[in-house]
Amino acid sequence: MKKLKEILGKFFTIVAFIIFTIAWSLFVYVLEGEWLYFIPLIVGDILFWETLNYKFWKKREKKPKKKKSEVRSWIDAIGFAVIAATILRTFLIEAYTIPTSSMEKSMLIGDFLFVSKVAYGPRVPMTPIAFPLVHHTMPIGNGKSYTEAVKLPYHRMKGLGRN
């Protein structure tokens, strides 16, 4: 292990993280515990990004921050917002409007509702390469918001509710 650390140098942590992620993914696949796929994100945060304070009972050492440009700050904020919204919309909750009068006695056409995907389990996107936060068609140009070059079979993750 020491020799490997010397050979890889500063890339040792990255290589170890990639190996851990692959091994963890195989473990979760065998276990069929699909919600455990998020664990490498937490490990990555501890090792690389350090966004959350996991030792909240201790004060965090303040590291000198590099000054970011205004443009870089906006790009980081927009990137985080798009990624967070995509994860929330894909796996946790989604907003819908009532399109027809089929539910007229309990809801009206145009009513808004939020649907929790946690109880029954979220459906894994069948076309994973898509423009984020757009359902089917682009708002400008009316083209498809996804590509069918990569298509996955239908799969719904296990929900946390009673079946």
N, C-alpha and C. Protein backbone atom coordinates (compact mmCIF):
# COMPACT_ATOMS: atom_id res chain seq x y z
N MET A 1 0.83 -1.19 0.00
CA MET A 1 0.00 0.00 0.00
C MET A 1 0.88 1.25 0.00
N LYS A 2 1.97 1.22 0.75
CA LYS A 2 2.87 2.37 0.80
C LYS A 2 3.49 2.65 -0.57
N LYS A 3 3.89 1.56 -1.25
CA LYS A 3 4.49 1.71 -2.57
C LYS A 3 3.49 2.30 -3.55
N LEU A 4 2.27 1.83 -3.45
CA LEU A 4 1.22 2.34 -4.32
C LEU A 4 0.99 3.83 -4.08
N LYS A 5 1.02 4.24 -2.81
CA LYS A 5 0.87 5.65 -2.46
C LYS A 5 2.00 6.48 -3.05
N GLU A 6 3.22 5.94 -2.98
CA GLU A 6 4.37 6.65 -3.53
C GLU A 6 4.27 6.78 -5.05
N ILE A 7 3.82 5.72 -5.71
CA ILE A 7 3.73 5.73 -7.16
C ILE A 7 2.65 6.71 -7.63
N LEU A 8 1.49 6.65 -7.00
CA LEU A 8 0.37 7.49 -7.44
C LEU A 8 0.46 8.92 -6.93
N GLY A 9 1.15 9.12 -5.82
CA GLY A 9 1.31 10.46 -5.26
C GLY A 9 -0.02 11.07 -4.88
N LYS A 10 -0.26 12.28 -5.39
CA LYS A 10 -1.49 13.00 -5.01
C LYS A 10 -2.74 12.40 -5.64
N PHE A 11 -2.60 11.49 -6.61
CA PHE A 11 -3.75 10.86 -7.25
C PHE A 11 -4.22 9.62 -6.50
N PHE A 12 -3.54 9.24 -5.43
CA PHE A 12 -3.90 8.04 -4.67
C PHE A 12 -5.33 8.11 -4.15
N THR A 13 -5.70 9.25 -3.59
CA THR A 13 -7.04 9.41 -3.02
C THR A 13 -8.10 9.29 -4.12
N ILE A 14 -7.83 9.87 -5.27
CA ILE A 14 -8.80 9.82 -6.37
C ILE A 14 -8.96 8.38 -6.88
N VAL A 15 -7.84 7.68 -7.05
CA VAL A 15 -7.90 6.29 -7.53
C VAL A 15 -8.60 5.41 -6.49
N ALA A 16 -8.27 5.61 -5.21
CA ALA A 16 -8.92 4.83 -4.14
C ALA A 16 -10.42 5.11 -4.12
N PHE A 17 -10.81 6.36 -4.33
CA PHE A 17 -12.23 6.71 -4.35
C PHE A 17 -12.95 6.04 -5.53
N ILE A 18 -12.32 6.02 -6.70
CA ILE A 18 -12.93 5.37 -7.87
C ILE A 18 -13.08 3.87 -7.63
N ILE A 19 -12.05 3.24 -7.07
CA ILE A 19 -12.12 1.80 -6.77
C ILE A 19 -13.21 1.53 -5.75
N PHE A 20 -13.29 2.38 -4.71
CA PHE A 20 -14.34 2.23 -3.70
C PHE A 20 -15.72 2.36 -4.33
N THR A 21 -15.89 3.35 -5.22
CA THR A 21 -17.19 3.57 -5.85
C THR A 21 -17.61 2.37 -6.70
N ILE A 22 -16.68 1.79 -7.44
CA ILE A 22 -16.99 0.61 -8.25
C ILE A 22 -17.34 -0.57 -7.36
N ALA A 23 -16.52 -0.81 -6.33
CA ALA A 23 -16.79 -1.93 -5.41
C ALA A 23 -18.13 -1.72 -4.69
N TRP A 24 -18.39 -0.49 -4.25
CA TRP A 24 -19.64 -0.19 -3.56
C TRP A 24 -20.84 -0.41 -4.48
N SER A 25 -20.71 0.01 -5.75
CA SER A 25 -21.80 -0.18 -6.71
C SER A 25 -22.10 -1.65 -6.92
N LEU A 26 -21.07 -2.48 -7.00
CA LEU A 26 -21.29 -3.92 -7.13
C LEU A 26 -21.96 -4.49 -5.89
N PHE A 27 -21.53 -4.05 -4.72
CA PHE A 27 -22.12 -4.49 -3.46
C PHE A 27 -23.60 -4.12 -3.39
N VAL A 28 -23.93 -2.88 -3.76
CA VAL A 28 -25.32 -2.41 -3.73
C VAL A 28 -26.16 -3.17 -4.75
N TYR A 29 -25.58 -3.46 -5.91
CA TYR A 29 -26.28 -4.21 -6.95
C TYR A 29 -26.65 -5.61 -6.45
N VAL A 30 -25.70 -6.27 -5.78
CA VAL A 30 -25.96 -7.61 -5.25
C VAL A 30 -26.99 -7.54 -4.13
N LEU A 31 -26.89 -6.52 -3.31
CA LEU A 31 -27.78 -6.35 -2.16
C LEU A 31 -29.17 -5.86 -2.57
N GLU A 32 -29.29 -5.29 -3.77
CA GLU A 32 -30.51 -4.69 -4.28
C GLU A 32 -31.02 -3.55 -3.39
N GLY A 33 -30.09 -2.80 -2.82
CA GLY A 33 -30.44 -1.65 -1.99
C GLY A 33 -30.13 -0.38 -2.74
N GLU A 34 -30.95 -0.06 -3.74
CA GLU A 34 -30.64 1.01 -4.69
C GLU A 34 -30.43 2.37 -4.04
N TRP A 35 -31.07 2.63 -2.91
CA TRP A 35 -30.91 3.93 -2.27
C TRP A 35 -29.51 4.09 -1.69
N LEU A 36 -28.76 3.00 -1.57
CA LEU A 36 -27.40 3.09 -1.04
C LEU A 36 -26.40 3.61 -2.07
N TYR A 37 -26.84 3.81 -3.30
CA TYR A 37 -25.95 4.36 -4.32
C TYR A 37 -25.51 5.78 -3.99
N PHE A 38 -26.18 6.45 -3.06
CA PHE A 38 -25.82 7.82 -2.71
C PHE A 38 -24.64 7.91 -1.74
N ILE A 39 -24.24 6.80 -1.15
CA ILE A 39 -23.13 6.81 -0.18
C ILE A 39 -21.83 7.35 -0.78
N PRO A 40 -21.43 6.99 -2.02
CA PRO A 40 -20.20 7.59 -2.56
C PRO A 40 -20.25 9.12 -2.66
N LEU A 41 -21.43 9.70 -2.80
CA LEU A 41 -21.52 11.16 -2.79
C LEU A 41 -21.12 11.73 -1.44
N ILE A 42 -21.54 11.06 -0.37
CA ILE A 42 -21.17 11.51 0.98
C ILE A 42 -19.67 11.32 1.20
N VAL A 43 -19.14 10.17 0.77
CA VAL A 43 -17.69 9.92 0.91
C VAL A 43 -16.90 10.93 0.09
N GLY A 44 -17.37 11.23 -1.12
CA GLY A 44 -16.70 12.23 -1.95
C GLY A 44 -16.71 13.60 -1.30
N ASP A 45 -17.80 13.93 -0.63
CA ASP A 45 -17.88 15.21 0.08
C ASP A 45 -16.88 15.26 1.22
N ILE A 46 -16.74 14.17 1.94
CA ILE A 46 -15.79 14.13 3.06
C ILE A 46 -14.36 14.25 2.54
N LEU A 47 -14.05 13.54 1.45
CA LEU A 47 -12.67 13.51 0.94
C LEU A 47 -12.28 14.73 0.14
N PHE A 48 -13.17 15.22 -0.72
CA PHE A 48 -12.77 16.24 -1.68
C PHE A 48 -13.43 17.59 -1.49
N TRP A 49 -14.76 17.62 -1.42
CA TRP A 49 -15.47 18.89 -1.53
C TRP A 49 -15.60 19.61 -0.20
N GLU A 50 -15.78 18.88 0.89
CA GLU A 50 -15.89 19.43 2.25
C GLU A 50 -16.97 20.51 2.35
N THR A 51 -18.15 20.22 1.82
CA THR A 51 -19.23 21.20 1.89
C THR A 51 -19.99 21.14 3.21
N LEU A 52 -20.13 19.94 3.77
CA LEU A 52 -20.85 19.79 5.04
C LEU A 52 -19.88 19.55 6.17
N ASN A 53 -20.21 20.07 7.34
CA ASN A 53 -19.38 19.87 8.52
C ASN A 53 -19.86 18.62 9.25
N TYR A 54 -19.14 17.51 9.06
CA TYR A 54 -19.56 16.26 9.68
C TYR A 54 -19.13 16.16 11.14
N LYS A 55 -18.22 17.02 11.56
CA LYS A 55 -17.85 17.11 12.98
C LYS A 55 -18.42 18.42 13.51
N PHE A 56 -19.74 18.49 13.56
CA PHE A 56 -20.42 19.73 13.91
C PHE A 56 -20.16 20.16 15.34
N TRP A 57 -19.68 19.27 16.19
CA TRP A 57 -19.42 19.61 17.58
C TRP A 57 -18.06 20.30 17.73
N LYS A 58 -17.25 20.26 16.68
CA LYS A 58 -15.95 20.94 16.70
C LYS A 58 -16.00 22.11 15.74
N LYS A 59 -15.22 23.13 16.06
CA LYS A 59 -15.12 24.24 15.11
C LYS A 59 -14.22 23.84 13.97
N ARG A 60 -14.62 24.20 12.79
CA ARG A 60 -13.87 23.87 11.59
C ARG A 60 -12.71 24.85 11.43
N GLU A 61 -11.55 24.29 11.03
CA GLU A 61 -10.40 25.15 10.77
C GLU A 61 -10.70 25.97 9.52
N LYS A 62 -10.45 27.25 9.60
CA LYS A 62 -10.70 28.11 8.46
C LYS A 62 -9.49 28.07 7.54
N LYS A 63 -9.73 27.60 6.33
CA LYS A 63 -8.68 27.55 5.33
C LYS A 63 -8.71 28.85 4.54
N PRO A 64 -7.56 29.31 4.12
CA PRO A 64 -7.57 30.53 3.29
C PRO A 64 -8.28 30.26 1.97
N LYS A 65 -9.27 31.09 1.67
CA LYS A 65 -10.05 30.89 0.46
C LYS A 65 -9.43 31.65 -0.70
N LYS A 66 -9.45 30.98 -1.86
CA LYS A 66 -9.01 31.66 -3.07
C LYS A 66 -10.14 32.56 -3.55
N LYS A 67 -9.80 33.74 -3.97
CA LYS A 67 -10.78 34.68 -4.46
C LYS A 67 -11.29 34.23 -5.83
N LYS A 68 -12.60 34.02 -5.93
CA LYS A 68 -13.22 33.63 -7.20
C LYS A 68 -13.71 34.89 -7.91
N SER A 69 -13.67 34.83 -9.22
CA SER A 69 -14.22 35.95 -9.98
C SER A 69 -15.74 35.92 -9.88
N GLU A 70 -16.35 37.03 -10.22
CA GLU A 70 -17.81 37.12 -10.17
C GLU A 70 -18.45 36.12 -11.12
N VAL A 71 -17.88 35.97 -12.31
CA VAL A 71 -18.42 35.04 -13.30
C VAL A 71 -18.31 33.60 -12.78
N ARG A 72 -17.16 33.25 -12.22
CA ARG A 72 -16.96 31.90 -11.69
C ARG A 72 -17.94 31.61 -10.56
N SER A 73 -18.18 32.60 -9.72
CA SER A 73 -19.12 32.44 -8.62
C SER A 73 -20.54 32.16 -9.15
N TRP A 74 -20.95 32.88 -10.19
CA TRP A 74 -22.27 32.66 -10.79
C TRP A 74 -22.35 31.29 -11.45
N ILE A 75 -21.30 30.89 -12.15
CA ILE A 75 -21.29 29.57 -12.80
C ILE A 75 -21.41 28.47 -11.76
N ASP A 76 -20.67 28.59 -10.64
CA ASP A 76 -20.77 27.60 -9.57
C ASP A 76 -22.17 27.54 -8.98
N ALA A 77 -22.77 28.69 -8.74
CA ALA A 77 -24.12 28.73 -8.15
C ALA A 77 -25.16 28.14 -9.09
N ILE A 78 -25.10 28.50 -10.37
CA ILE A 78 -26.06 27.98 -11.33
C ILE A 78 -25.87 26.47 -11.53
N GLY A 79 -24.61 26.03 -11.60
CA GLY A 79 -24.33 24.60 -11.74
C GLY A 79 -24.86 23.80 -10.56
N PHE A 80 -24.64 24.30 -9.34
CA PHE A 80 -25.15 23.61 -8.15
C PHE A 80 -26.67 23.57 -8.16
N ALA A 81 -27.30 24.68 -8.52
CA ALA A 81 -28.76 24.72 -8.53
C ALA A 81 -29.35 23.74 -9.54
N VAL A 82 -28.76 23.66 -10.72
CA VAL A 82 -29.27 22.74 -11.75
C VAL A 82 -29.09 21.29 -11.31
N ILE A 83 -27.92 20.95 -10.77
CA ILE A 83 -27.68 19.58 -10.32
C ILE A 83 -28.60 19.21 -9.16
N ALA A 84 -28.73 20.10 -8.17
CA ALA A 84 -29.60 19.83 -7.02
C ALA A 84 -31.06 19.68 -7.46
N ALA A 85 -31.53 20.57 -8.32
CA ALA A 85 -32.92 20.49 -8.78
C ALA A 85 -33.16 19.22 -9.59
N THR A 86 -32.18 18.82 -10.40
CA THR A 86 -32.34 17.59 -11.19
C THR A 86 -32.42 16.37 -10.29
N ILE A 87 -31.56 16.30 -9.28
CA ILE A 87 -31.59 15.17 -8.34
C ILE A 87 -32.90 15.15 -7.57
N LEU A 88 -33.34 16.32 -7.08
CA LEU A 88 -34.61 16.38 -6.35
C LEU A 88 -35.77 15.96 -7.23
N ARG A 89 -35.80 16.47 -8.47
CA ARG A 89 -36.91 16.16 -9.37
C ARG A 89 -36.89 14.70 -9.82
N THR A 90 -35.72 14.13 -9.98
CA THR A 90 -35.64 12.75 -10.45
C THR A 90 -35.96 11.75 -9.36
N PHE A 91 -35.50 11.99 -8.15
CA PHE A 91 -35.58 10.96 -7.12
C PHE A 91 -36.53 11.25 -5.96
N LEU A 92 -36.89 12.49 -5.71
CA LEU A 92 -37.67 12.78 -4.51
C LEU A 92 -39.07 13.33 -4.76
N ILE A 93 -39.20 14.40 -5.51
CA ILE A 93 -40.49 15.07 -5.62
C ILE A 93 -40.60 15.72 -7.01
N GLU A 94 -41.83 15.81 -7.52
CA GLU A 94 -42.03 16.46 -8.82
C GLU A 94 -43.36 17.22 -8.80
N ALA A 95 -43.38 18.35 -9.47
CA ALA A 95 -44.58 19.17 -9.56
C ALA A 95 -45.35 18.81 -10.83
N TYR A 96 -46.66 18.73 -10.72
CA TYR A 96 -47.53 18.42 -11.86
C TYR A 96 -48.70 19.38 -11.87
N THR A 97 -49.32 19.52 -13.02
CA THR A 97 -50.60 20.23 -13.13
C THR A 97 -51.63 19.22 -13.65
N ILE A 98 -52.86 19.40 -13.26
CA ILE A 98 -53.94 18.52 -13.69
C ILE A 98 -54.33 18.92 -15.11
N PRO A 99 -54.14 18.01 -16.10
CA PRO A 99 -54.37 18.39 -17.50
C PRO A 99 -55.82 18.21 -17.97
N THR A 100 -56.57 17.26 -17.38
CA THR A 100 -57.92 16.97 -17.87
C THR A 100 -58.91 16.97 -16.71
N SER A 101 -60.18 16.81 -17.05
CA SER A 101 -61.24 16.84 -16.02
C SER A 101 -61.51 15.45 -15.44
N SER A 102 -60.63 14.50 -15.60
CA SER A 102 -60.88 13.15 -15.11
C SER A 102 -60.92 13.08 -13.59
N MET A 103 -60.36 14.05 -12.92
CA MET A 103 -60.39 14.07 -11.45
C MET A 103 -61.25 15.24 -10.96
N GLU A 104 -62.25 15.61 -11.72
CA GLU A 104 -63.04 16.82 -11.49
C GLU A 104 -63.63 16.92 -10.08
N LYS A 105 -64.02 15.81 -9.47
CA LYS A 105 -64.67 15.91 -8.15
C LYS A 105 -63.69 16.28 -7.04
N SER A 106 -62.39 15.96 -7.23
CA SER A 106 -61.43 16.28 -6.18
C SER A 106 -60.45 17.38 -6.59
N MET A 107 -60.20 17.53 -7.88
CA MET A 107 -59.25 18.54 -8.36
C MET A 107 -59.77 19.15 -9.65
N LEU A 108 -59.41 20.40 -9.88
CA LEU A 108 -59.85 21.10 -11.09
C LEU A 108 -58.73 21.13 -12.12
N ILE A 109 -59.12 21.36 -13.38
CA ILE A 109 -58.13 21.47 -14.45
C ILE A 109 -57.21 22.65 -14.13
N GLY A 110 -55.90 22.42 -14.22
CA GLY A 110 -54.92 23.48 -13.96
C GLY A 110 -54.45 23.53 -12.52
N ASP A 111 -55.03 22.73 -11.62
CA ASP A 111 -54.54 22.69 -10.24
C ASP A 111 -53.12 22.15 -10.21
N PHE A 112 -52.34 22.60 -9.25
CA PHE A 112 -50.97 22.16 -9.09
C PHE A 112 -50.87 21.19 -7.93
N LEU A 113 -50.00 20.19 -8.05
CA LEU A 113 -49.76 19.29 -6.94
C LEU A 113 -48.32 18.80 -7.00
N PHE A 114 -47.80 18.45 -5.83
CA PHE A 114 -46.47 17.86 -5.72
C PHE A 114 -46.63 16.39 -5.43
N VAL A 115 -45.89 15.56 -6.14
CA VAL A 115 -45.96 14.12 -5.98
C VAL A 115 -44.66 13.64 -5.37
N SER A 116 -44.75 12.91 -4.26
CA SER A 116 -43.58 12.34 -3.62
C SER A 116 -43.24 11.02 -4.30
N LYS A 117 -42.01 10.89 -4.73
CA LYS A 117 -41.57 9.66 -5.40
C LYS A 117 -40.95 8.67 -4.43
N VAL A 118 -40.84 9.04 -3.17
CA VAL A 118 -40.17 8.20 -2.19
C VAL A 118 -41.01 6.98 -1.82
N ALA A 119 -42.32 7.13 -1.73
CA ALA A 119 -43.17 6.03 -1.28
C ALA A 119 -43.16 4.86 -2.26
N TYR A 120 -43.38 5.13 -3.54
CA TYR A 120 -43.45 4.06 -4.53
C TYR A 120 -42.13 3.83 -5.24
N GLY A 121 -41.19 4.73 -5.08
CA GLY A 121 -39.89 4.61 -5.72
C GLY A 121 -39.83 5.39 -7.01
N PRO A 122 -38.74 6.10 -7.23
CA PRO A 122 -38.60 6.86 -8.46
C PRO A 122 -38.28 5.97 -9.65
N ARG A 123 -38.73 6.39 -10.82
CA ARG A 123 -38.41 5.67 -12.04
C ARG A 123 -37.08 6.21 -12.56
N VAL A 124 -36.16 5.31 -12.87
CA VAL A 124 -34.88 5.71 -13.43
C VAL A 124 -35.12 6.22 -14.85
N PRO A 125 -34.54 7.36 -15.22
CA PRO A 125 -34.79 7.89 -16.56
C PRO A 125 -34.37 6.90 -17.65
N MET A 126 -35.24 6.70 -18.63
CA MET A 126 -34.93 5.77 -19.71
C MET A 126 -34.01 6.42 -20.75
N THR A 127 -34.06 7.73 -20.85
CA THR A 127 -33.14 8.47 -21.72
C THR A 127 -32.33 9.42 -20.84
N PRO A 128 -31.18 8.95 -20.32
CA PRO A 128 -30.45 9.73 -19.33
C PRO A 128 -29.77 10.99 -19.86
N ILE A 129 -29.57 11.09 -21.17
CA ILE A 129 -28.95 12.29 -21.73
C ILE A 129 -30.07 13.22 -22.16
N ALA A 130 -30.29 14.26 -21.35
CA ALA A 130 -31.40 15.17 -21.60
C ALA A 130 -31.04 16.56 -21.10
N PHE A 131 -31.75 17.54 -21.61
CA PHE A 131 -31.62 18.91 -21.13
C PHE A 131 -32.28 18.96 -19.76
N PRO A 132 -31.59 19.44 -18.72
CA PRO A 132 -32.16 19.37 -17.37
C PRO A 132 -33.36 20.28 -17.18
N LEU A 133 -34.29 19.83 -16.35
CA LEU A 133 -35.46 20.57 -15.89
C LEU A 133 -36.48 20.87 -16.98
N VAL A 134 -36.44 20.14 -18.09
CA VAL A 134 -37.42 20.29 -19.16
C VAL A 134 -38.05 18.92 -19.36
N HIS A 135 -39.38 18.85 -19.44
CA HIS A 135 -40.04 17.55 -19.50
C HIS A 135 -39.83 16.84 -20.84
N HIS A 136 -40.46 17.25 -21.88
CA HIS A 136 -40.41 16.51 -23.14
C HIS A 136 -39.92 17.35 -24.31
N THR A 137 -40.38 18.59 -24.40
CA THR A 137 -39.99 19.44 -25.52
C THR A 137 -39.29 20.68 -25.00
N MET A 138 -38.38 21.19 -25.80
CA MET A 138 -37.66 22.41 -25.44
C MET A 138 -38.62 23.60 -25.53
N PRO A 139 -38.49 24.56 -24.63
CA PRO A 139 -39.39 25.71 -24.68
C PRO A 139 -39.18 26.57 -25.92
N ILE A 140 -37.96 26.59 -26.44
CA ILE A 140 -37.65 27.35 -27.65
C ILE A 140 -37.29 26.36 -28.74
N GLY A 141 -37.96 26.40 -29.85
CA GLY A 141 -37.65 25.51 -30.96
C GLY A 141 -38.52 24.27 -31.02
N ASN A 142 -39.22 23.92 -29.94
CA ASN A 142 -40.13 22.78 -29.88
C ASN A 142 -39.50 21.44 -30.29
N GLY A 143 -38.20 21.28 -30.12
CA GLY A 143 -37.54 20.00 -30.38
C GLY A 143 -37.56 19.14 -29.13
N LYS A 144 -37.13 17.89 -29.27
CA LYS A 144 -37.06 17.00 -28.12
C LYS A 144 -36.01 17.51 -27.13
N SER A 145 -36.28 17.35 -25.84
CA SER A 145 -35.33 17.78 -24.81
C SER A 145 -34.39 16.65 -24.42
N TYR A 146 -34.46 15.53 -25.10
CA TYR A 146 -33.64 14.37 -24.78
C TYR A 146 -33.17 13.71 -26.07
N THR A 147 -32.17 12.86 -25.94
CA THR A 147 -31.70 12.10 -27.09
C THR A 147 -31.97 10.62 -26.86
N GLU A 148 -32.31 9.93 -27.91
CA GLU A 148 -32.57 8.50 -27.82
C GLU A 148 -31.35 7.68 -28.22
N ALA A 149 -30.18 8.32 -28.28
CA ALA A 149 -28.94 7.60 -28.61
C ALA A 149 -28.62 6.58 -27.53
N VAL A 150 -28.89 6.94 -26.27
CA VAL A 150 -28.70 6.02 -25.16
C VAL A 150 -30.07 5.78 -24.55
N LYS A 151 -30.54 4.54 -24.61
CA LYS A 151 -31.84 4.18 -24.03
C LYS A 151 -31.65 3.06 -23.02
N LEU A 152 -32.22 3.24 -21.86
CA LEU A 152 -32.17 2.22 -20.81
C LEU A 152 -33.52 1.53 -20.72
N PRO A 153 -33.56 0.29 -20.24
CA PRO A 153 -34.85 -0.38 -20.05
C PRO A 153 -35.61 0.26 -18.88
N TYR A 154 -36.91 0.07 -18.85
CA TYR A 154 -37.73 0.60 -17.76
C TYR A 154 -37.30 -0.02 -16.44
N HIS A 155 -37.10 0.83 -15.43
CA HIS A 155 -36.76 0.33 -14.10
C HIS A 155 -37.24 1.32 -13.06
N ARG A 156 -37.92 0.82 -12.05
CA ARG A 156 -38.36 1.65 -10.93
C ARG A 156 -37.62 1.19 -9.68
N MET A 157 -37.00 2.16 -9.00
CA MET A 157 -36.29 1.83 -7.76
C MET A 157 -37.29 1.47 -6.67
N LYS A 158 -36.84 0.74 -5.68
CA LYS A 158 -37.71 0.37 -4.57
C LYS A 158 -38.10 1.61 -3.79
N GLY A 159 -39.36 1.66 -3.42
CA GLY A 159 -39.84 2.77 -2.62
C GLY A 159 -39.69 2.46 -1.13
N LEU A 160 -39.90 3.47 -0.33
CA LEU A 160 -39.80 3.28 1.12
C LEU A 160 -41.15 3.05 1.77
N GLY A 161 -42.23 3.12 1.00
CA GLY A 161 -43.57 2.89 1.53
C GLY A 161 -43.92 1.42 1.55
N ARG A 162 -45.11 1.13 2.02
CA ARG A 162 -45.59 -0.26 2.04
C ARG A 162 -46.07 -0.65 0.67
N ASN A 163 -45.77 -1.87 0.25
CA ASN A 163 -46.21 -2.34 -1.07
C ASN A 163 -47.33 -3.33 -0.94
